[in-house]
Amino acid sequence: MLEYEIAGEFLTDIKKKFREGDEETIKAPKLKRLEQGGRTMEEFVQEFQKAAKGSGYEGRPLVEEFKRGMSGTIYQKLMESEW
């Protein structure tokens, strides 16, 4: 006996079940591809925060992704500055 009478109900149920964890599957690769490019640091930070939320990244790995995505010039200046 079929549990679903309408194909639409079946598809809706499948989408719900596979959507769980989907945010991390989508956001983690986006975070890894994210680069500052010609954006201001403020714009980059905002986009990075959006991509980071739900990506599964936190702590040191998240910081490393942020540094990797920064403009090379800005990153270099930060590394050379005295704190």
PDB file of N, CA and C in Angstrom:
ATOM      1  N   MET A   1       0.836  -1.180   0.000  1.00  0.00           N
ATOM      2  CA  MET A   1       0.000   0.000   0.000  1.00  0.00           C
ATOM      3  C   MET A   1       0.887   1.250   0.000  1.00  0.00           C
ATOM      4  N   LEU A   2       0.530   2.236  -0.790  1.00  0.00           N
ATOM      5  CA  LEU A   2       1.279   3.474  -0.861  1.00  0.00           C
ATOM      6  C   LEU A   2       0.922   4.389   0.302  1.00  0.00           C
ATOM      7  N   GLU A   3       1.933   5.042   0.831  1.00  0.00           N
ATOM      8  CA  GLU A   3       1.729   5.973   1.928  1.00  0.00           C
ATOM      9  C   GLU A   3       1.202   7.315   1.421  1.00  0.00           C
ATOM     10  N   TYR A   4       1.444   7.599   0.139  1.00  0.00           N
ATOM     11  CA  TYR A   4       1.072   8.879  -0.455  1.00  0.00           C
ATOM     12  C   TYR A   4       0.028   8.660  -1.540  1.00  0.00           C
ATOM     13  N   GLU A   5      -1.019   9.448  -1.499  1.00  0.00           N
ATOM     14  CA  GLU A   5      -2.045   9.354  -2.526  1.00  0.00           C
ATOM     15  C   GLU A   5      -1.743  10.271  -3.705  1.00  0.00           C
ATOM     16  N   ILE A   6      -1.022  11.357  -3.436  1.00  0.00           N
ATOM     17  CA  ILE A   6      -0.717  12.347  -4.472  1.00  0.00           C
ATOM     18  C   ILE A   6       0.798  12.481  -4.587  1.00  0.00           C
ATOM     19  N   ALA A   7       1.288  12.489  -5.817  1.00  0.00           N
ATOM     20  CA  ALA A   7       2.730  12.610  -6.045  1.00  0.00           C
ATOM     21  C   ALA A   7       3.291  13.884  -5.427  1.00  0.00           C
ATOM     22  N   GLY A   8       2.523  14.952  -5.439  1.00  0.00           N
ATOM     23  CA  GLY A   8       2.963  16.223  -4.857  1.00  0.00           C
ATOM     24  C   GLY A   8       3.276  16.104  -3.374  1.00  0.00           C
ATOM     25  N   GLU A   9       2.464  15.303  -2.654  1.00  0.00           N
ATOM     26  CA  GLU A   9       2.714  15.088  -1.227  1.00  0.00           C
ATOM     27  C   GLU A   9       4.041  14.362  -1.031  1.00  0.00           C
ATOM     28  N   PHE A  10       4.299  13.383  -1.873  1.00  0.00           N
ATOM     29  CA  PHE A  10       5.541  12.626  -1.814  1.00  0.00           C
ATOM     30  C   PHE A  10       6.740  13.548  -2.052  1.00  0.00           C
ATOM     31  N   LEU A  11       6.665  14.368  -3.094  1.00  0.00           N
ATOM     32  CA  LEU A  11       7.767  15.280  -3.407  1.00  0.00           C
ATOM     33  C   LEU A  11       7.990  16.300  -2.301  1.00  0.00           C
ATOM     34  N   THR A  12       6.912  16.812  -1.728  1.00  0.00           N
ATOM     35  CA  THR A  12       7.030  17.766  -0.625  1.00  0.00           C
ATOM     36  C   THR A  12       7.719  17.127   0.573  1.00  0.00           C
ATOM     37  N   ASP A  13       7.344  15.891   0.879  1.00  0.00           N
ATOM     38  CA  ASP A  13       7.943  15.175   2.003  1.00  0.00           C
ATOM     39  C   ASP A  13       9.442  14.915   1.750  1.00  0.00           C
ATOM     40  N   ILE A  14       9.784  14.519   0.544  1.00  0.00           N
ATOM     41  CA  ILE A  14      11.188  14.270   0.194  1.00  0.00           C
ATOM     42  C   ILE A  14      12.004  15.552   0.332  1.00  0.00           C
ATOM     43  N   LYS A  15      11.471  16.654  -0.173  1.00  0.00           N
ATOM     44  CA  LYS A  15      12.176  17.946  -0.074  1.00  0.00           C
ATOM     45  C   LYS A  15      12.420  18.330   1.377  1.00  0.00           C
ATOM     46  N   LYS A  16      11.421  18.130   2.237  1.00  0.00           N
ATOM     47  CA  LYS A  16      11.571  18.460   3.657  1.00  0.00           C
ATOM     48  C   LYS A  16      12.683  17.626   4.289  1.00  0.00           C
ATOM     49  N   LYS A  17      12.703  16.333   3.981  1.00  0.00           N
ATOM     50  CA  LYS A  17      13.683  15.438   4.592  1.00  0.00           C
ATOM     51  C   LYS A  17      15.105  15.746   4.126  1.00  0.00           C
ATOM     52  N   PHE A  18      15.264  16.092   2.867  1.00  0.00           N
ATOM     53  CA  PHE A  18      16.597  16.361   2.350  1.00  0.00           C
ATOM     54  C   PHE A  18      17.036  17.801   2.595  1.00  0.00           C
ATOM     55  N   ARG A  19      16.132  18.664   2.929  1.00  0.00           N
ATOM     56  CA  ARG A  19      16.477  20.060   3.205  1.00  0.00           C
ATOM     57  C   ARG A  19      17.214  20.182   4.530  1.00  0.00           C
ATOM     58  N   GLU A  20      16.955  19.268   5.467  1.00  0.00           N
ATOM     59  CA  GLU A  20      17.655  19.282   6.743  1.00  0.00           C
ATOM     60  C   GLU A  20      19.141  19.081   6.472  1.00  0.00           C
ATOM     61  N   GLY A  21      19.973  19.952   6.969  1.00  0.00           N
ATOM     62  CA  GLY A  21      21.407  19.875   6.722  1.00  0.00           C
ATOM     63  C   GLY A  21      21.806  20.485   5.394  1.00  0.00           C
ATOM     64  N   ASP A  22      20.812  20.885   4.613  1.00  0.00           N
ATOM     65  CA  ASP A  22      21.064  21.453   3.291  1.00  0.00           C
ATOM     66  C   ASP A  22      21.771  22.790   3.388  1.00  0.00           C
ATOM     67  N   GLU A  23      21.437  23.567   4.412  1.00  0.00           N
ATOM     68  CA  GLU A  23      22.044  24.888   4.572  1.00  0.00           C
ATOM     69  C   GLU A  23      23.571  24.767   4.667  1.00  0.00           C
ATOM     70  N   GLU A  24      24.036  23.818   5.459  1.00  0.00           N
ATOM     71  CA  GLU A  24      25.479  23.622   5.601  1.00  0.00           C
ATOM     72  C   GLU A  24      26.095  23.153   4.289  1.00  0.00           C
ATOM     73  N   THR A  25      25.407  22.294   3.575  1.00  0.00           N
ATOM     74  CA  THR A  25      25.894  21.784   2.297  1.00  0.00           C
ATOM     75  C   THR A  25      26.057  22.895   1.277  1.00  0.00           C
ATOM     76  N   ILE A  26      25.180  23.876   1.329  1.00  0.00           N
ATOM     77  CA  ILE A  26      25.232  24.994   0.386  1.00  0.00           C
ATOM     78  C   ILE A  26      26.200  26.073   0.859  1.00  0.00           C
ATOM     79  N   LYS A  27      26.156  26.405   2.149  1.00  0.00           N
ATOM     80  CA  LYS A  27      26.925  27.539   2.654  1.00  0.00           C
ATOM     81  C   LYS A  27      28.419  27.251   2.813  1.00  0.00           C
ATOM     82  N   ALA A  28      28.800  26.039   3.173  1.00  0.00           N
ATOM     83  CA  ALA A  28      30.226  25.741   3.366  1.00  0.00           C
ATOM     84  C   ALA A  28      31.029  25.969   2.083  1.00  0.00           C
ATOM     85  N   PRO A  29      30.608  25.447   0.930  1.00  0.00           N
ATOM     86  CA  PRO A  29      31.363  25.718  -0.300  1.00  0.00           C
ATOM     87  C   PRO A  29      31.342  27.196  -0.685  1.00  0.00           C
ATOM     88  N   LYS A  30      30.233  27.873  -0.425  1.00  0.00           N
ATOM     89  CA  LYS A  30      30.154  29.303  -0.729  1.00  0.00           C
ATOM     90  C   LYS A  30      31.171  30.070   0.110  1.00  0.00           C
ATOM     91  N   LEU A  31      31.289  29.689   1.365  1.00  0.00           N
ATOM     92  CA  LEU A  31      32.247  30.338   2.255  1.00  0.00           C
ATOM     93  C   LEU A  31      33.674  30.119   1.754  1.00  0.00           C
ATOM     94  N   LYS A  32      33.956  28.926   1.270  1.00  0.00           N
ATOM     95  CA  LYS A  32      35.297  28.612   0.775  1.00  0.00           C
ATOM     96  C   LYS A  32      35.633  29.364  -0.523  1.00  0.00           C
ATOM     97  N   ARG A  33      34.628  29.738  -1.296  1.00  0.00           N
ATOM     98  CA  ARG A  33      34.847  30.477  -2.551  1.00  0.00           C
ATOM     99  C   ARG A  33      34.846  31.993  -2.356  1.00  0.00           C
ATOM    100  N   LEU A  34      34.363  32.446  -1.217  1.00  0.00           N
ATOM    101  CA  LEU A  34      34.180  33.871  -0.979  1.00  0.00           C
ATOM    102  C   LEU A  34      35.515  34.605  -0.900  1.00  0.00           C
ATOM    103  N   GLU A  35      35.624  35.658  -1.688  1.00  0.00           N
ATOM    104  CA  GLU A  35      36.813  36.506  -1.673  1.00  0.00           C
ATOM    105  C   GLU A  35      36.381  37.960  -1.651  1.00  0.00           C
ATOM    106  N   GLN A  36      37.207  38.800  -1.057  1.00  0.00           N
ATOM    107  CA  GLN A  36      36.887  40.215  -0.937  1.00  0.00           C
ATOM    108  C   GLN A  36      36.804  40.892  -2.293  1.00  0.00           C
ATOM    109  N   GLY A  37      37.757  40.607  -3.164  1.00  0.00           N
ATOM    110  CA  GLY A  37      37.753  41.225  -4.482  1.00  0.00           C
ATOM    111  C   GLY A  37      37.786  42.736  -4.370  1.00  0.00           C
ATOM    112  N   GLY A  38      36.947  43.429  -5.115  1.00  0.00           N
ATOM    113  CA  GLY A  38      36.918  44.881  -5.121  1.00  0.00           C
ATOM    114  C   GLY A  38      36.005  45.488  -4.072  1.00  0.00           C
ATOM    115  N   ARG A  39      35.438  44.657  -3.206  1.00  0.00           N
ATOM    116  CA  ARG A  39      34.535  45.164  -2.162  1.00  0.00           C
ATOM    117  C   ARG A  39      35.318  45.818  -1.030  1.00  0.00           C
ATOM    118  N   THR A  40      34.645  46.697  -0.308  1.00  0.00           N
ATOM    119  CA  THR A  40      35.248  47.263   0.895  1.00  0.00           C
ATOM    120  C   THR A  40      35.317  46.158   1.949  1.00  0.00           C
ATOM    121  N   MET A  41      36.128  46.370   2.972  1.00  0.00           N
ATOM    122  CA  MET A  41      36.219  45.385   4.049  1.00  0.00           C
ATOM    123  C   MET A  41      34.870  45.223   4.734  1.00  0.00           C
ATOM    124  N   GLU A  42      34.148  46.319   4.901  1.00  0.00           N
ATOM    125  CA  GLU A  42      32.833  46.258   5.535  1.00  0.00           C
ATOM    126  C   GLU A  42      31.874  45.374   4.722  1.00  0.00           C
ATOM    127  N   GLU A  43      31.874  45.535   3.409  1.00  0.00           N
ATOM    128  CA  GLU A  43      31.008  44.715   2.543  1.00  0.00           C
ATOM    129  C   GLU A  43      31.419  43.249   2.624  1.00  0.00           C
ATOM    130  N   PHE A  44      32.727  43.007   2.617  1.00  0.00           N
ATOM    131  CA  PHE A  44      33.225  41.631   2.707  1.00  0.00           C
ATOM    132  C   PHE A  44      32.819  40.999   4.037  1.00  0.00           C
ATOM    133  N   VAL A  45      32.977  41.733   5.126  1.00  0.00           N
ATOM    134  CA  VAL A  45      32.619  41.209   6.447  1.00  0.00           C
ATOM    135  C   VAL A  45      31.136  40.851   6.497  1.00  0.00           C
ATOM    136  N   GLN A  46      30.287  41.717   5.972  1.00  0.00           N
ATOM    137  CA  GLN A  46      28.846  41.441   5.983  1.00  0.00           C
ATOM    138  C   GLN A  46      28.512  40.180   5.190  1.00  0.00           C
ATOM    139  N   GLU A  47      29.096  40.055   4.002  1.00  0.00           N
ATOM    140  CA  GLU A  47      28.821  38.870   3.193  1.00  0.00           C
ATOM    141  C   GLU A  47      29.402  37.619   3.835  1.00  0.00           C
ATOM    142  N   PHE A  48      30.576  37.753   4.431  1.00  0.00           N
ATOM    143  CA  PHE A  48      31.209  36.622   5.106  1.00  0.00           C
ATOM    144  C   PHE A  48      30.343  36.147   6.271  1.00  0.00           C
ATOM    145  N   GLN A  49      29.824  37.082   7.051  1.00  0.00           N
ATOM    146  CA  GLN A  49      28.972  36.718   8.186  1.00  0.00           C
ATOM    147  C   GLN A  49      27.731  35.964   7.723  1.00  0.00           C
ATOM    148  N   LYS A  50      27.134  36.413   6.638  1.00  0.00           N
ATOM    149  CA  LYS A  50      25.946  35.719   6.098  1.00  0.00           C
ATOM    150  C   LYS A  50      26.295  34.305   5.672  1.00  0.00           C
ATOM    151  N   ALA A  51      27.412  34.160   4.974  1.00  0.00           N
ATOM    152  CA  ALA A  51      27.826  32.841   4.492  1.00  0.00           C
ATOM    153  C   ALA A  51      28.250  31.938   5.647  1.00  0.00           C
ATOM    154  N   ALA A  52      28.852  32.517   6.683  1.00  0.00           N
ATOM    155  CA  ALA A  52      29.348  31.728   7.815  1.00  0.00           C
ATOM    156  C   ALA A  52      28.207  31.149   8.644  1.00  0.00           C
ATOM    157  N   LYS A  53      27.125  31.913   8.764  1.00  0.00           N
ATOM    158  CA  LYS A  53      25.985  31.454   9.558  1.00  0.00           C
ATOM    159  C   LYS A  53      25.386  30.201   8.915  1.00  0.00           C
ATOM    160  N   GLY A  54      25.430  29.125   9.642  1.00  0.00           N
ATOM    161  CA  GLY A  54      24.873  27.870   9.139  1.00  0.00           C
ATOM    162  C   GLY A  54      25.821  27.070   8.268  1.00  0.00           C
ATOM    163  N   SER A  55      27.079  27.522   8.152  1.00  0.00           N
ATOM    164  CA  SER A  55      28.037  26.821   7.291  1.00  0.00           C
ATOM    165  C   SER A  55      28.694  25.631   7.973  1.00  0.00           C
ATOM    166  N   GLY A  56      28.600  25.580   9.297  1.00  0.00           N
ATOM    167  CA  GLY A  56      29.268  24.523  10.041  1.00  0.00           C
ATOM    168  C   GLY A  56      30.676  24.917  10.462  1.00  0.00           C
ATOM    169  N   TYR A  57      31.164  26.051   9.970  1.00  0.00           N
ATOM    170  CA  TYR A  57      32.487  26.532  10.352  1.00  0.00           C
ATOM    171  C   TYR A  57      32.381  27.335  11.635  1.00  0.00           C
ATOM    172  N   GLU A  58      33.360  27.156  12.514  1.00  0.00           N
ATOM    173  CA  GLU A  58      33.464  27.984  13.707  1.00  0.00           C
ATOM    174  C   GLU A  58      34.891  27.934  14.218  1.00  0.00           C
ATOM    175  N   GLY A  59      35.212  28.823  15.122  1.00  0.00           N
ATOM    176  CA  GLY A  59      36.542  28.843  15.713  1.00  0.00           C
ATOM    177  C   GLY A  59      37.645  29.096  14.701  1.00  0.00           C
ATOM    178  N   ARG A  60      38.761  28.412  14.901  1.00  0.00           N
ATOM    179  CA  ARG A  60      39.962  28.608  14.077  1.00  0.00           C
ATOM    180  C   ARG A  60      39.708  28.385  12.582  1.00  0.00           C
ATOM    181  N   PRO A  61      38.999  27.330  12.168  1.00  0.00           N
ATOM    182  CA  PRO A  61      38.740  27.150  10.732  1.00  0.00           C
ATOM    183  C   PRO A  61      37.982  28.321  10.108  1.00  0.00           C
ATOM    184  N   LEU A  62      37.076  28.925  10.876  1.00  0.00           N
ATOM    185  CA  LEU A  62      36.322  30.071  10.377  1.00  0.00           C
ATOM    186  C   LEU A  62      37.255  31.268  10.198  1.00  0.00           C
ATOM    187  N   VAL A  63      38.138  31.484  11.158  1.00  0.00           N
ATOM    188  CA  VAL A  63      39.108  32.581  11.065  1.00  0.00           C
ATOM    189  C   VAL A  63      40.018  32.384   9.858  1.00  0.00           C
ATOM    190  N   GLU A  64      40.456  31.143   9.632  1.00  0.00           N
ATOM    191  CA  GLU A  64      41.334  30.854   8.497  1.00  0.00           C
ATOM    192  C   GLU A  64      40.635  31.132   7.171  1.00  0.00           C
ATOM    193  N   GLU A  65      39.363  30.818   7.063  1.00  0.00           N
ATOM    194  CA  GLU A  65      38.606  31.110   5.841  1.00  0.00           C
ATOM    195  C   GLU A  65      38.470  32.616   5.646  1.00  0.00           C
ATOM    196  N   PHE A  66      38.286  33.332   6.747  1.00  0.00           N
ATOM    197  CA  PHE A  66      38.185  34.788   6.648  1.00  0.00           C
ATOM    198  C   PHE A  66      39.496  35.379   6.132  1.00  0.00           C
ATOM    199  N   LYS A  67      40.602  34.949   6.701  1.00  0.00           N
ATOM    200  CA  LYS A  67      41.913  35.461   6.277  1.00  0.00           C
ATOM    201  C   LYS A  67      42.182  35.104   4.816  1.00  0.00           C
ATOM    202  N   ARG A  68      41.819  33.906   4.412  1.00  0.00           N
ATOM    203  CA  ARG A  68      42.041  33.460   3.047  1.00  0.00           C
ATOM    204  C   ARG A  68      41.275  34.315   2.046  1.00  0.00           C
ATOM    205  N   GLY A  69      40.072  34.745   2.430  1.00  0.00           N
ATOM    206  CA  GLY A  69      39.228  35.507   1.528  1.00  0.00           C
ATOM    207  C   GLY A  69      39.549  36.995   1.461  1.00  0.00           C
ATOM    208  N   MET A  70      40.322  37.474   2.427  1.00  0.00           N
ATOM    209  CA  MET A  70      40.663  38.903   2.459  1.00  0.00           C
ATOM    210  C   MET A  70      41.544  39.284   1.284  1.00  0.00           C
ATOM    211  N   SER A  71      41.474  40.557   0.916  1.00  0.00           N
ATOM    212  CA  SER A  71      42.378  41.108  -0.086  1.00  0.00           C
ATOM    213  C   SER A  71      43.810  40.889   0.384  1.00  0.00           C
ATOM    214  N   GLY A  72      44.677  40.462  -0.510  1.00  0.00           N
ATOM    215  CA  GLY A  72      46.072  40.210  -0.160  1.00  0.00           C
ATOM    216  C   GLY A  72      46.766  41.441   0.394  1.00  0.00           C
ATOM    217  N   THR A  73      46.445  42.600  -0.146  1.00  0.00           N
ATOM    218  CA  THR A  73      47.059  43.853   0.305  1.00  0.00           C
ATOM    219  C   THR A  73      46.665  44.158   1.748  1.00  0.00           C
ATOM    220  N   ILE A  74      45.392  44.041   2.044  1.00  0.00           N
ATOM    221  CA  ILE A  74      44.916  44.322   3.402  1.00  0.00           C
ATOM    222  C   ILE A  74      45.481  43.299   4.374  1.00  0.00           C
ATOM    223  N   TYR A  75      45.459  42.043   3.983  1.00  0.00           N
ATOM    224  CA  TYR A  75      45.990  40.985   4.841  1.00  0.00           C
ATOM    225  C   TYR A  75      47.467  41.253   5.156  1.00  0.00           C
ATOM    226  N   GLN A  76      48.235  41.600   4.150  1.00  0.00           N
ATOM    227  CA  GLN A  76      49.664  41.869   4.342  1.00  0.00           C
ATOM    228  C   GLN A  76      49.881  43.040   5.295  1.00  0.00           C
ATOM    229  N   LYS A  77      49.107  44.098   5.141  1.00  0.00           N
ATOM    230  CA  LYS A  77      49.244  45.262   6.019  1.00  0.00           C
ATOM    231  C   LYS A  77      48.901  44.895   7.467  1.00  0.00           C
ATOM    232  N   LEU A  78      47.893  44.065   7.650  1.00  0.00           N
ATOM    233  CA  LEU A  78      47.537  43.626   9.000  1.00  0.00           C
ATOM    234  C   LEU A  78      48.658  42.802   9.626  1.00  0.00           C
ATOM    235  N   MET A  79      49.268  41.936   8.842  1.00  0.00           N
ATOM    236  CA  MET A  79      50.342  41.087   9.352  1.00  0.00           C
ATOM    237  C   MET A  79      51.591  41.904   9.697  1.00  0.00           C
ATOM    238  N   GLU A  80      51.810  42.996   8.982  1.00  0.00           N
ATOM    239  CA  GLU A  80      52.989  43.836   9.221  1.00  0.00           C
ATOM    240  C   GLU A  80      52.772  44.874  10.314  1.00  0.00           C
ATOM    241  N   SER A  81      51.530  45.109  10.694  1.00  0.00           N
ATOM    242  CA  SER A  81      51.255  46.146  11.701  1.00  0.00           C
ATOM    243  C   SER A  81      51.630  45.663  13.088  1.00  0.00           C
ATOM    244  N   GLU A  82      51.955  46.621  13.930  1.00  0.00           N
ATOM    245  CA  GLU A  82      52.248  46.315  15.335  1.00  0.00           C
ATOM    246  C   GLU A  82      50.981  46.503  16.131  1.00  0.00           C
ATOM    247  N   TRP A  83      50.729  45.601  17.023  1.00  0.00           N
ATOM    248  CA  TRP A  83      49.500  45.647  17.799  1.00  0.00           C
ATOM    249  C   TRP A  83      49.779  46.327  19.074  1.00  0.00           C
TER     250      TRP A  83
END
